[in-house]
Every structure is written in structure tokens, then in C-alpha cells.
């Protein structure tokens, strides 16, 4: 069974850059671009490293093999 961590958001969407900051993978928004260039990121099974990519409730985000669900 796969372990998926649920990440709750208050708004209708969150950007990928904001999302990785919420996960404490980066300490500031300025680090998002370089982090995303070096990380293996998939959103709903498609590779995507755009920090402005909008994530909506129900999206599955995989960052370096760790899975998160936007709730």
C-alpha cells in the first residue's frame, strides 16, 4: 500500500512553489526555482517543474518519490 500524505489547503488552489514551501522543502520562495530544477516532480503522473503551476484539491504530487495529495 502506498503512503500518501494529505496536505490541506485553505484556498481553491496553491502554486507548486508555495506547496514546496508549505512542505518545508525550501525556506523561502526564492529557492523554489533551483529546487524544482533539481527535484523529480510529477503532478497527476506528469512531469512538471513550473513553480507557478496551480495545484487543486485532489491533485497527486510526487516529489522525489514521496507522494502528497492536495486536500
Protein backbone atom coordinates (compact mmCIF):
# COMPACT_ATOMS: atom_id res chain seq x y z
CA UNK A 1 0.00 0.00 0.00
CA UNK A 2 1.30 3.41 -0.97
CA UNK A 3 1.79 6.06 1.67
CA UNK A 4 0.30 9.38 0.59
CA UNK A 5 0.49 12.40 2.86
CA UNK A 6 -2.59 14.64 2.74
CA UNK A 7 -1.79 18.36 2.63
CA UNK A 8 -4.75 20.61 3.41
CA UNK A 9 -5.08 23.99 1.74
CA UNK A 10 -7.50 26.78 2.62
CA UNK A 11 -7.73 28.40 -0.82
CA UNK A 12 -9.10 26.96 -4.07
CA UNK A 13 -5.56 26.30 -5.31
CA UNK A 14 -1.90 26.64 -4.32
CA UNK A 15 1.07 27.09 -6.63
CA UNK A 16 3.76 24.44 -6.78
CA UNK A 17 6.26 26.96 -5.38
CA UNK A 18 4.02 27.67 -2.38
CA UNK A 19 3.36 23.96 -1.95
CA UNK A 20 7.03 23.02 -1.58
CA UNK A 21 7.43 25.86 0.93
CA UNK A 22 4.48 24.51 2.96
CA UNK A 23 6.22 21.12 2.97
CA UNK A 24 9.38 22.79 4.39
CA UNK A 25 11.42 21.54 1.44
CA UNK A 26 12.63 25.12 0.95
CA UNK A 27 12.88 28.01 3.40
CA UNK A 28 11.98 30.85 1.04
CA UNK A 29 10.15 31.33 -2.23
CA UNK A 30 13.39 32.39 -3.89
CA UNK A 31 14.70 28.84 -3.55
CA UNK A 32 11.76 27.33 -5.45
CA UNK A 33 13.20 27.61 -8.96
CA UNK A 34 16.52 25.92 -8.17
CA UNK A 35 14.82 23.25 -6.04
CA UNK A 36 12.37 22.42 -8.82
CA UNK A 37 15.18 22.18 -11.40
CA UNK A 38 16.96 19.55 -9.32
CA UNK A 39 13.95 17.62 -7.99
CA UNK A 40 11.93 14.89 -9.70
CA UNK A 41 8.39 16.33 -9.64
CA UNK A 42 5.24 14.80 -11.08
CA UNK A 43 1.73 16.16 -10.83
CA UNK A 44 -1.01 13.66 -11.59
CA UNK A 45 1.64 11.38 -13.15
CA UNK A 46 3.01 14.09 -15.49
CA UNK A 47 6.45 15.68 -15.02
CA UNK A 48 6.15 19.39 -14.21
CA UNK A 49 8.60 21.74 -12.52
CA UNK A 50 6.91 25.12 -13.06
CA UNK A 51 6.76 26.91 -9.73
CA UNK A 52 3.60 28.75 -10.84
CA UNK A 53 1.74 25.53 -11.66
CA UNK A 54 -1.61 25.64 -9.86
CA UNK A 55 -2.46 22.67 -7.68
CA UNK A 56 -6.08 21.97 -6.85
CA UNK A 57 -7.75 19.77 -4.26
CA UNK A 58 -7.47 16.15 -5.37
CA UNK A 59 -4.17 16.59 -7.24
CA UNK A 60 -1.48 13.99 -6.56
CA UNK A 61 2.01 15.47 -6.28
CA UNK A 62 5.11 13.26 -6.25
CA UNK A 63 8.37 14.94 -5.21
CA UNK A 64 11.47 12.73 -5.27
CA UNK A 65 9.27 9.60 -4.90
CA UNK A 66 7.32 10.97 -1.89
CA UNK A 67 3.59 11.31 -2.55
CA UNK A 68 1.30 14.11 -1.41
CA UNK A 69 -2.41 14.70 -2.05
CA UNK A 70 -3.78 18.23 -2.06
CA UNK A 71 -6.90 18.37 0.12
